[in-house]
Amino acid sequence: QVRQGGKPLAAGTIVFTPKSGSSGPGAEAQIVDGQYRIDQGVGPTPGPHHVVIATERSTPDMFAKTKPKPAKGQGPWGLEVDVPAGETFTKDFEVR
């Protein structure tokens, strides 16, 4: 689940990109009413990933930045997460 201000994020996009030294595909999903789902067969693969969460108010050029960074305001929000090996991975996020 993705929350903003304690409430489910109405709409947005979440992108997992493998960090340097990590192999495998990244993954992307739409966020609707705070929920996102990525099927295991399409990634992300186990290992460290950059995670970018963009709200419906974010602009497309925000994804062009080479390195995600934590941000205040309207995003995108740059985070890091280690995806464990296994069948199911659940990760909730809180954005500012």
PDB file of N, CA and C in Angstrom:
ATOM      1  N   GLN A   1       0.843  -1.177   0.000  1.00  0.00           N
ATOM      2  CA  GLN A   1       0.000   0.000   0.000  1.00  0.00           C
ATOM      3  C   GLN A   1       0.891   1.244   0.000  1.00  0.00           C
ATOM      4  N   VAL A   2       0.415   2.292  -0.658  1.00  0.00           N
ATOM      5  CA  VAL A   2       1.120   3.573  -0.680  1.00  0.00           C
ATOM      6  C   VAL A   2       0.202   4.605  -0.041  1.00  0.00           C
ATOM      7  N   ARG A   3       0.719   5.266   0.989  1.00  0.00           N
ATOM      8  CA  ARG A   3      -0.080   6.248   1.718  1.00  0.00           C
ATOM      9  C   ARG A   3       0.605   7.609   1.655  1.00  0.00           C
ATOM     10  N   GLN A   4      -0.214   8.651   1.688  1.00  0.00           N
ATOM     11  CA  GLN A   4       0.284  10.024   1.743  1.00  0.00           C
ATOM     12  C   GLN A   4      -0.516  10.733   2.817  1.00  0.00           C
ATOM     13  N   GLY A   5       0.191  11.250   3.818  1.00  0.00           N
ATOM     14  CA  GLY A   5      -0.498  11.906   4.920  1.00  0.00           C
ATOM     15  C   GLY A   5      -1.407  10.962   5.681  1.00  0.00           C
ATOM     16  N   GLY A   6      -1.033   9.671   5.736  1.00  0.00           N
ATOM     17  CA  GLY A   6      -1.820   8.684   6.453  1.00  0.00           C
ATOM     18  C   GLY A   6      -3.007   8.133   5.686  1.00  0.00           C
ATOM     19  N   LYS A   7      -3.243   8.638   4.477  1.00  0.00           N
ATOM     20  CA  LYS A   7      -4.378   8.181   3.666  1.00  0.00           C
ATOM     21  C   LYS A   7      -3.861   7.496   2.406  1.00  0.00           C
ATOM     22  N   PRO A   8      -4.619   6.538   1.847  1.00  0.00           N
ATOM     23  CA  PRO A   8      -4.192   5.897   0.603  1.00  0.00           C
ATOM     24  C   PRO A   8      -3.984   6.931  -0.505  1.00  0.00           C
ATOM     25  N   LEU A   9      -2.871   6.807  -1.226  1.00  0.00           N
ATOM     26  CA  LEU A   9      -2.593   7.690  -2.357  1.00  0.00           C
ATOM     27  C   LEU A   9      -3.625   7.405  -3.441  1.00  0.00           C
ATOM     28  N   ALA A  10      -4.341   8.433  -3.881  1.00  0.00           N
ATOM     29  CA  ALA A  10      -5.438   8.249  -4.839  1.00  0.00           C
ATOM     30  C   ALA A  10      -4.961   7.649  -6.151  1.00  0.00           C
ATOM     31  N   ALA A  11      -3.887   8.185  -6.708  1.00  0.00           N
ATOM     32  CA  ALA A  11      -3.390   7.702  -7.997  1.00  0.00           C
ATOM     33  C   ALA A  11      -1.922   8.047  -8.141  1.00  0.00           C
ATOM     34  N   GLY A  12      -1.206   7.208  -8.852  1.00  0.00           N
ATOM     35  CA  GLY A  12       0.205   7.458  -9.098  1.00  0.00           C
ATOM     36  C   GLY A  12       0.851   6.278  -9.781  1.00  0.00           C
ATOM     37  N   THR A  13       2.173   6.292  -9.784  1.00  0.00           N
ATOM     38  CA  THR A  13       2.966   5.235 -10.399  1.00  0.00           C
ATOM     39  C   THR A  13       4.112   4.891  -9.463  1.00  0.00           C
ATOM     40  N   ILE A  14       4.431   3.609  -9.368  1.00  0.00           N
ATOM     41  CA  ILE A  14       5.584   3.162  -8.590  1.00  0.00           C
ATOM     42  C   ILE A  14       6.521   2.417  -9.537  1.00  0.00           C
ATOM     43  N   VAL A  15       7.820   2.739  -9.451  1.00  0.00           N
ATOM     44  CA  VAL A  15       8.819   2.143 -10.338  1.00  0.00           C
ATOM     45  C   VAL A  15       9.956   1.581  -9.485  1.00  0.00           C
ATOM     46  N   PHE A  16      10.276   0.302  -9.678  1.00  0.00           N
ATOM     47  CA  PHE A  16      11.408  -0.355  -9.037  1.00  0.00           C
ATOM     48  C   PHE A  16      12.506  -0.498 -10.088  1.00  0.00           C
ATOM     49  N   THR A  17      13.707   0.054  -9.815  1.00  0.00           N
ATOM     50  CA  THR A  17      14.841  -0.034 -10.730  1.00  0.00           C
ATOM     51  C   THR A  17      16.009  -0.670  -9.988  1.00  0.00           C
ATOM     52  N   PRO A  18      16.587  -1.771 -10.514  1.00  0.00           N
ATOM     53  CA  PRO A  18      17.716  -2.396  -9.822  1.00  0.00           C
ATOM     54  C   PRO A  18      18.867  -1.403  -9.630  1.00  0.00           C
ATOM     55  N   LYS A  19      19.449  -1.421  -8.428  1.00  0.00           N
ATOM     56  CA  LYS A  19      20.608  -0.574  -8.162  1.00  0.00           C
ATOM     57  C   LYS A  19      21.827  -1.152  -8.862  1.00  0.00           C
ATOM     58  N   SER A  20      22.847  -0.342  -8.987  1.00  0.00           N
ATOM     59  CA  SER A  20      24.106  -0.764  -9.592  1.00  0.00           C
ATOM     60  C   SER A  20      24.605  -2.027  -8.893  1.00  0.00           C
ATOM     61  N   GLY A  21      25.011  -3.018  -9.679  1.00  0.00           N
ATOM     62  CA  GLY A  21      25.484  -4.272  -9.110  1.00  0.00           C
ATOM     63  C   GLY A  21      24.390  -5.304  -8.937  1.00  0.00           C
ATOM     64  N   SER A  22      23.167  -4.930  -9.201  1.00  0.00           N
ATOM     65  CA  SER A  22      22.029  -5.841  -9.104  1.00  0.00           C
ATOM     66  C   SER A  22      21.544  -6.141 -10.515  1.00  0.00           C
ATOM     67  N   SER A  23      21.232  -7.395 -10.780  1.00  0.00           N
ATOM     68  CA  SER A  23      20.785  -7.744 -12.126  1.00  0.00           C
ATOM     69  C   SER A  23      19.286  -8.004 -12.137  1.00  0.00           C
ATOM     70  N   GLY A  24      18.758  -8.116 -13.333  1.00  0.00           N
ATOM     71  CA  GLY A  24      17.345  -8.439 -13.469  1.00  0.00           C
ATOM     72  C   GLY A  24      16.521  -7.243 -13.862  1.00  0.00           C
ATOM     73  N   PRO A  25      15.269  -7.520 -14.219  1.00  0.00           N
ATOM     74  CA  PRO A  25      14.410  -6.427 -14.670  1.00  0.00           C
ATOM     75  C   PRO A  25      13.912  -5.568 -13.514  1.00  0.00           C
ATOM     76  N   GLY A  26      13.603  -4.353 -13.831  1.00  0.00           N
ATOM     77  CA  GLY A  26      12.886  -3.504 -12.902  1.00  0.00           C
ATOM     78  C   GLY A  26      11.408  -3.797 -13.065  1.00  0.00           C
ATOM     79  N   ALA A  27      10.578  -2.990 -12.456  1.00  0.00           N
ATOM     80  CA  ALA A  27       9.136  -3.203 -12.569  1.00  0.00           C
ATOM     81  C   ALA A  27       8.418  -1.889 -12.335  1.00  0.00           C
ATOM     82  N   GLU A  28       7.228  -1.776 -12.891  1.00  0.00           N
ATOM     83  CA  GLU A  28       6.419  -0.563 -12.762  1.00  0.00           C
ATOM     84  C   GLU A  28       4.964  -0.969 -12.576  1.00  0.00           C
ATOM     85  N   ALA A  29       4.238  -0.186 -11.785  1.00  0.00           N
ATOM     86  CA  ALA A  29       2.812  -0.447 -11.590  1.00  0.00           C
ATOM     87  C   ALA A  29       2.074   0.861 -11.338  1.00  0.00           C
ATOM     88  N   GLN A  30       0.814   0.867 -11.677  1.00  0.00           N
ATOM     89  CA  GLN A  30      -0.053   1.998 -11.368  1.00  0.00           C
ATOM     90  C   GLN A  30      -0.531   1.855  -9.926  1.00  0.00           C
ATOM     91  N   ILE A  31      -0.659   2.976  -9.247  1.00  0.00           N
ATOM     92  CA  ILE A  31      -1.204   3.014  -7.892  1.00  0.00           C
ATOM     93  C   ILE A  31      -2.628   3.531  -8.007  1.00  0.00           C
ATOM     94  N   VAL A  32      -3.585   2.778  -7.488  1.00  0.00           N
ATOM     95  CA  VAL A  32      -4.992   3.176  -7.500  1.00  0.00           C
ATOM     96  C   VAL A  32      -5.539   2.976  -6.093  1.00  0.00           C
ATOM     97  N   ASP A  33      -6.036   4.043  -5.502  1.00  0.00           N
ATOM     98  CA  ASP A  33      -6.565   3.997  -4.129  1.00  0.00           C
ATOM     99  C   ASP A  33      -5.560   3.378  -3.163  1.00  0.00           C
ATOM    100  N   GLY A  34      -4.291   3.732  -3.335  1.00  0.00           N
ATOM    101  CA  GLY A  34      -3.239   3.283  -2.436  1.00  0.00           C
ATOM    102  C   GLY A  34      -2.698   1.893  -2.717  1.00  0.00           C
ATOM    103  N   GLN A  35      -3.270   1.177  -3.659  1.00  0.00           N
ATOM    104  CA  GLN A  35      -2.873  -0.205  -3.926  1.00  0.00           C
ATOM    105  C   GLN A  35      -2.050  -0.312  -5.209  1.00  0.00           C
ATOM    106  N   TYR A  36      -1.048  -1.168  -5.180  1.00  0.00           N
ATOM    107  CA  TYR A  36      -0.298  -1.504  -6.389  1.00  0.00           C
ATOM    108  C   TYR A  36       0.003  -2.994  -6.357  1.00  0.00           C
ATOM    109  N   ARG A  37       0.176  -3.582  -7.522  1.00  0.00           N
ATOM    110  CA  ARG A  37       0.493  -5.006  -7.605  1.00  0.00           C
ATOM    111  C   ARG A  37       1.409  -5.233  -8.806  1.00  0.00           C
ATOM    112  N   ILE A  38       2.462  -6.012  -8.552  1.00  0.00           N
ATOM    113  CA  ILE A  38       3.382  -6.399  -9.616  1.00  0.00           C
ATOM    114  C   ILE A  38       3.500  -7.918  -9.566  1.00  0.00           C
ATOM    115  N   ASP A  39       3.159  -8.579 -10.651  1.00  0.00           N
ATOM    116  CA  ASP A  39       3.281 -10.031 -10.697  1.00  0.00           C
ATOM    117  C   ASP A  39       4.743 -10.435 -10.645  1.00  0.00           C
ATOM    118  N   GLN A  40       5.030 -11.508  -9.917  1.00  0.00           N
ATOM    119  CA  GLN A  40       6.400 -11.958  -9.703  1.00  0.00           C
ATOM    120  C   GLN A  40       7.131 -12.235 -11.013  1.00  0.00           C
ATOM    121  N   GLY A  41       6.438 -12.696 -12.023  1.00  0.00           N
ATOM    122  CA  GLY A  41       7.073 -13.037 -13.289  1.00  0.00           C
ATOM    123  C   GLY A  41       7.639 -11.858 -14.054  1.00  0.00           C
ATOM    124  N   VAL A  42       7.229 -10.636 -13.707  1.00  0.00           N
ATOM    125  CA  VAL A  42       7.714  -9.451 -14.423  1.00  0.00           C
ATOM    126  C   VAL A  42       8.653  -8.600 -13.577  1.00  0.00           C
ATOM    127  N   GLY A  43       9.023  -9.075 -12.394  1.00  0.00           N
ATOM    128  CA  GLY A  43       9.960  -8.342 -11.543  1.00  0.00           C
ATOM    129  C   GLY A  43       9.241  -7.686 -10.385  1.00  0.00           C
ATOM    130  N   PRO A  44       9.925  -7.017  -9.525  1.00  0.00           N
ATOM    131  CA  PRO A  44      11.375  -6.864  -9.511  1.00  0.00           C
ATOM    132  C   PRO A  44      12.059  -8.134  -9.010  1.00  0.00           C
ATOM    133  N   THR A  45      13.289  -8.327  -9.430  1.00  0.00           N
ATOM    134  CA  THR A  45      14.067  -9.481  -9.002  1.00  0.00           C
ATOM    135  C   THR A  45      14.641  -9.213  -7.614  1.00  0.00           C
ATOM    136  N   PRO A  46      15.051 -10.262  -6.887  1.00  0.00           N
ATOM    137  CA  PRO A  46      15.642 -10.044  -5.563  1.00  0.00           C
ATOM    138  C   PRO A  46      16.886  -9.159  -5.639  1.00  0.00           C
ATOM    139  N   GLY A  47      17.069  -8.359  -4.603  1.00  0.00           N
ATOM    140  CA  GLY A  47      18.231  -7.487  -4.512  1.00  0.00           C
ATOM    141  C   GLY A  47      17.826  -6.047  -4.268  1.00  0.00           C
ATOM    142  N   PRO A  48      18.818  -5.162  -4.174  1.00  0.00           N
ATOM    143  CA  PRO A  48      18.539  -3.753  -3.882  1.00  0.00           C
ATOM    144  C   PRO A  48      17.972  -3.016  -5.096  1.00  0.00           C
ATOM    145  N   HIS A  49      16.989  -2.161  -4.844  1.00  0.00           N
ATOM    146  CA  HIS A  49      16.334  -1.381  -5.897  1.00  0.00           C
ATOM    147  C   HIS A  49      16.122   0.061  -5.449  1.00  0.00           C
ATOM    148  N   HIS A  50      16.197   0.964  -6.412  1.00  0.00           N
ATOM    149  CA  HIS A  50      15.690   2.321  -6.218  1.00  0.00           C
ATOM    150  C   HIS A  50      14.189   2.231  -6.465  1.00  0.00           C
ATOM    151  N   VAL A  51      13.420   2.953  -5.671  1.00  0.00           N
ATOM    152  CA  VAL A  51      11.971   2.996  -5.863  1.00  0.00           C
ATOM    153  C   VAL A  51      11.574   4.451  -6.027  1.00  0.00           C
ATOM    154  N   VAL A  52      10.848   4.741  -7.089  1.00  0.00           N
ATOM    155  CA  VAL A  52      10.339   6.086  -7.321  1.00  0.00           C
ATOM    156  C   VAL A  52       8.823   6.008  -7.314  1.00  0.00           C
ATOM    157  N   ILE A  53       8.210   6.864  -6.510  1.00  0.00           N
ATOM    158  CA  ILE A  53       6.755   6.958  -6.445  1.00  0.00           C
ATOM    159  C   ILE A  53       6.372   8.346  -6.930  1.00  0.00           C
ATOM    160  N   ALA A  54       5.574   8.385  -7.975  1.00  0.00           N
ATOM    161  CA  ALA A  54       5.114   9.657  -8.533  1.00  0.00           C
ATOM    162  C   ALA A  54       3.608   9.755  -8.350  1.00  0.00           C
ATOM    163  N   THR A  55       3.150  10.914  -7.914  1.00  0.00           N
ATOM    164  CA  THR A  55       1.715  11.123  -7.752  1.00  0.00           C
ATOM    165  C   THR A  55       1.107  11.557  -9.075  1.00  0.00           C
ATOM    166  N   GLU A  56      -0.202  11.637  -9.109  1.00  0.00           N
ATOM    167  CA  GLU A  56      -0.878  12.096 -10.331  1.00  0.00           C
ATOM    168  C   GLU A  56      -0.494  13.526 -10.669  1.00  0.00           C
ATOM    169  N   ARG A  57       0.064  14.264  -9.702  1.00  0.00           N
ATOM    170  CA  ARG A  57       0.476  15.650  -9.945  1.00  0.00           C
ATOM    171  C   ARG A  57       1.917  15.757 -10.423  1.00  0.00           C
ATOM    172  N   SER A  58       2.659  14.646 -10.408  1.00  0.00           N
ATOM    173  CA  SER A  58       4.043  14.666 -10.874  1.00  0.00           C
ATOM    174  C   SER A  58       4.074  14.853 -12.382  1.00  0.00           C
ATOM    175  N   THR A  59       5.195  15.348 -12.878  1.00  0.00           N
ATOM    176  CA  THR A  59       5.325  15.567 -14.317  1.00  0.00           C
ATOM    177  C   THR A  59       6.242  14.513 -14.921  1.00  0.00           C
ATOM    178  N   PRO A  60       6.069  14.165 -16.199  1.00  0.00           N
ATOM    179  CA  PRO A  60       6.875  13.114 -16.819  1.00  0.00           C
ATOM    180  C   PRO A  60       8.375  13.355 -16.749  1.00  0.00           C
ATOM    181  N   ASP A  61       8.826  14.595 -16.827  1.00  0.00           N
ATOM    182  CA  ASP A  61      10.269  14.852 -16.804  1.00  0.00           C
ATOM    183  C   ASP A  61      10.905  14.537 -15.457  1.00  0.00           C
ATOM    184  N   MET A  62      10.100  14.335 -14.419  1.00  0.00           N
ATOM    185  CA  MET A  62      10.660  13.985 -13.117  1.00  0.00           C
ATOM    186  C   MET A  62      11.338  12.620 -13.158  1.00  0.00           C
ATOM    187  N   PHE A  63      10.889  11.719 -14.048  1.00  0.00           N
ATOM    188  CA  PHE A  63      11.501  10.406 -14.155  1.00  0.00           C
ATOM    189  C   PHE A  63      12.818  10.457 -14.912  1.00  0.00           C
ATOM    190  N   ALA A  64      13.111  11.537 -15.599  1.00  0.00           N
ATOM    191  CA  ALA A  64      14.334  11.656 -16.386  1.00  0.00           C
ATOM    192  C   ALA A  64      15.563  11.868 -15.507  1.00  0.00           C
ATOM    193  N   LYS A  65      15.386  12.206 -14.268  1.00  0.00           N
ATOM    194  CA  LYS A  65      16.511  12.419 -13.371  1.00  0.00           C
ATOM    195  C   LYS A  65      17.278  11.107 -13.208  1.00  0.00           C
ATOM    196  N   THR A  66      18.597  11.192 -13.160  1.00  0.00           N
ATOM    197  CA  THR A  66      19.405   9.983 -13.140  1.00  0.00           C
ATOM    198  C   THR A  66      19.387   9.267 -11.806  1.00  0.00           C
ATOM    199  N   LYS A  67      19.236   9.975 -10.714  1.00  0.00           N
ATOM    200  CA  LYS A  67      19.259   9.338  -9.419  1.00  0.00           C
ATOM    201  C   LYS A  67      18.100   9.842  -8.575  1.00  0.00           C
ATOM    202  N   PRO A  68      17.189   8.954  -8.168  1.00  0.00           N
ATOM    203  CA  PRO A  68      16.083   9.401  -7.330  1.00  0.00           C
ATOM    204  C   PRO A  68      16.598   9.910  -5.988  1.00  0.00           C
ATOM    205  N   LYS A  69      15.993  10.962  -5.484  1.00  0.00           N
ATOM    206  CA  LYS A  69      16.351  11.519  -4.188  1.00  0.00           C
ATOM    207  C   LYS A  69      15.077  11.769  -3.401  1.00  0.00           C
ATOM    208  N   PRO A  70      15.150  11.654  -2.066  1.00  0.00           N
ATOM    209  CA  PRO A  70      13.980  11.996  -1.275  1.00  0.00           C
ATOM    210  C   PRO A  70      13.580  13.443  -1.545  1.00  0.00           C
ATOM    211  N   ALA A  71      12.302  13.687  -1.621  1.00  0.00           N
ATOM    212  CA  ALA A  71      11.821  15.026  -1.949  1.00  0.00           C
ATOM    213  C   ALA A  71      10.615  15.374  -1.104  1.00  0.00           C
ATOM    214  N   LYS A  72      10.396  16.649  -0.927  1.00  0.00           N
ATOM    215  CA  LYS A  72       9.190  17.125  -0.263  1.00  0.00           C
ATOM    216  C   LYS A  72       8.282  17.704  -1.328  1.00  0.00           C
ATOM    217  N   GLY A  73       7.026  17.836  -1.020  1.00  0.00           N
ATOM    218  CA  GLY A  73       6.111  18.440  -1.979  1.00  0.00           C
ATOM    219  C   GLY A  73       5.400  17.411  -2.823  1.00  0.00           C
ATOM    220  N   GLN A  74       5.423  17.596  -4.128  1.00  0.00           N
ATOM    221  CA  GLN A  74       4.629  16.769  -5.022  1.00  0.00           C
ATOM    222  C   GLN A  74       5.371  15.582  -5.630  1.00  0.00           C
ATOM    223  N   GLY A  75       6.576  15.267  -5.189  1.00  0.00           N
ATOM    224  CA  GLY A  75       7.271  14.082  -5.668  1.00  0.00           C
ATOM    225  C   GLY A  75       7.994  14.323  -6.975  1.00  0.00           C
ATOM    226  N   PRO A  76       8.611  13.322  -7.595  1.00  0.00           N
ATOM    227  CA  PRO A  76       8.518  11.950  -7.125  1.00  0.00           C
ATOM    228  C   PRO A  76       9.366  11.719  -5.876  1.00  0.00           C
ATOM    229  N   TRP A  77       9.062  10.674  -5.167  1.00  0.00           N
ATOM    230  CA  TRP A  77       9.793  10.340  -3.963  1.00  0.00           C
ATOM    231  C   TRP A  77      10.758   9.233  -4.298  1.00  0.00           C
ATOM    232  N   GLY A  78      12.039   9.423  -3.980  1.00  0.00           N
ATOM    233  CA  GLY A  78      13.059   8.415  -4.238  1.00  0.00           C
ATOM    234  C   GLY A  78      13.354   7.645  -2.964  1.00  0.00           C
ATOM    235  N   LEU A  79      13.263   6.342  -3.042  1.00  0.00           N
ATOM    236  CA  LEU A  79      13.461   5.469  -1.895  1.00  0.00           C
ATOM    237  C   LEU A  79      14.358   4.318  -2.313  1.00  0.00           C
ATOM    238  N   GLU A  80      14.812   3.552  -1.344  1.00  0.00           N
ATOM    239  CA  GLU A  80      15.557   2.345  -1.635  1.00  0.00           C
ATOM    240  C   GLU A  80      14.933   1.203  -0.851  1.00  0.00           C
ATOM    241  N   VAL A  81      14.909   0.020  -1.470  1.00  0.00           N
ATOM    242  CA  VAL A  81      14.345  -1.149  -0.812  1.00  0.00           C
ATOM    243  C   VAL A  81      15.115  -2.382  -1.274  1.00  0.00           C
ATOM    244  N   ASP A  82      15.269  -3.347  -0.378  1.00  0.00           N
ATOM    245  CA  ASP A  82      15.910  -4.608  -0.725  1.00  0.00           C
ATOM    246  C   ASP A  82      14.809  -5.645  -0.927  1.00  0.00           C
ATOM    247  N   VAL A  83      14.655  -6.118  -2.149  1.00  0.00           N
ATOM    248  CA  VAL A  83      13.626  -7.103  -2.464  1.00  0.00           C
ATOM    249  C   VAL A  83      14.179  -8.482  -2.103  1.00  0.00           C
ATOM    250  N   PRO A  84      13.533  -9.190  -1.162  1.00  0.00           N
ATOM    251  CA  PRO A  84      14.029 -10.506  -0.766  1.00  0.00           C
ATOM    252  C   PRO A  84      13.661 -11.579  -1.791  1.00  0.00           C
ATOM    253  N   ALA A  85      14.422 -12.671  -1.785  1.00  0.00           N
ATOM    254  CA  ALA A  85      14.069 -13.816  -2.622  1.00  0.00           C
ATOM    255  C   ALA A  85      12.847 -14.489  -1.999  1.00  0.00           C
ATOM    256  N   GLY A  86      11.976 -14.998  -2.813  1.00  0.00           N
ATOM    257  CA  GLY A  86      10.783 -15.668  -2.309  1.00  0.00           C
ATOM    258  C   GLY A  86       9.611 -15.437  -3.222  1.00  0.00           C
ATOM    259  N   GLU A  87       8.519 -16.085  -2.918  1.00  0.00           N
ATOM    260  CA  GLU A  87       7.353 -16.022  -3.794  1.00  0.00           C
ATOM    261  C   GLU A  87       6.560 -14.734  -3.654  1.00  0.00           C
ATOM    262  N   THR A  88       6.482 -14.189  -2.450  1.00  0.00           N
ATOM    263  CA  THR A  88       5.659 -13.005  -2.234  1.00  0.00           C
ATOM    264  C   THR A  88       6.478 -11.924  -1.547  1.00  0.00           C
ATOM    265  N   PHE A  89       6.341 -10.710  -2.027  1.00  0.00           N
ATOM    266  CA  PHE A  89       7.020  -9.563  -1.427  1.00  0.00           C
ATOM    267  C   PHE A  89       5.983  -8.472  -1.244  1.00  0.00           C
ATOM    268  N   THR A  90       5.824  -8.019  -0.020  1.00  0.00           N
ATOM    269  CA  THR A  90       4.881  -6.950   0.282  1.00  0.00           C
ATOM    270  C   THR A  90       5.654  -5.794   0.890  1.00  0.00           C
ATOM    271  N   LYS A  91       5.460  -4.615   0.354  1.00  0.00           N
ATOM    272  CA  LYS A  91       6.136  -3.432   0.887  1.00  0.00           C
ATOM    273  C   LYS A  91       5.179  -2.256   0.840  1.00  0.00           C
ATOM    274  N   ASP A  92       4.938  -1.666   1.997  1.00  0.00           N
ATOM    275  CA  ASP A  92       4.118  -0.462   2.088  1.00  0.00           C
ATOM    276  C   ASP A  92       5.037   0.750   2.116  1.00  0.00           C
ATOM    277  N   PHE A  93       4.542   1.848   1.566  1.00  0.00           N
ATOM    278  CA  PHE A  93       5.303   3.090   1.523  1.00  0.00           C
ATOM    279  C   PHE A  93       4.448   4.235   2.042  1.00  0.00           C
ATOM    280  N   GLU A  94       5.090   5.183   2.711  1.00  0.00           N
ATOM    281  CA  GLU A  94       4.458   6.429   3.148  1.00  0.00           C
ATOM    282  C   GLU A  94       5.219   7.553   2.469  1.00  0.00           C
ATOM    283  N   VAL A  95       4.527   8.371   1.690  1.00  0.00           N
ATOM    284  CA  VAL A  95       5.164   9.498   1.017  1.00  0.00           C
ATOM    285  C   VAL A  95       4.693  10.796   1.647  1.00  0.00           C
ATOM    286  N   ARG A  96       5.544  11.815   1.544  1.00  0.00           N
ATOM    287  CA  ARG A  96       5.205  13.123   2.117  1.00  0.00           C
ATOM    288  C   ARG A  96       4.386  13.941   1.162  1.00  0.00           C
TER     289      ARG A  96
END
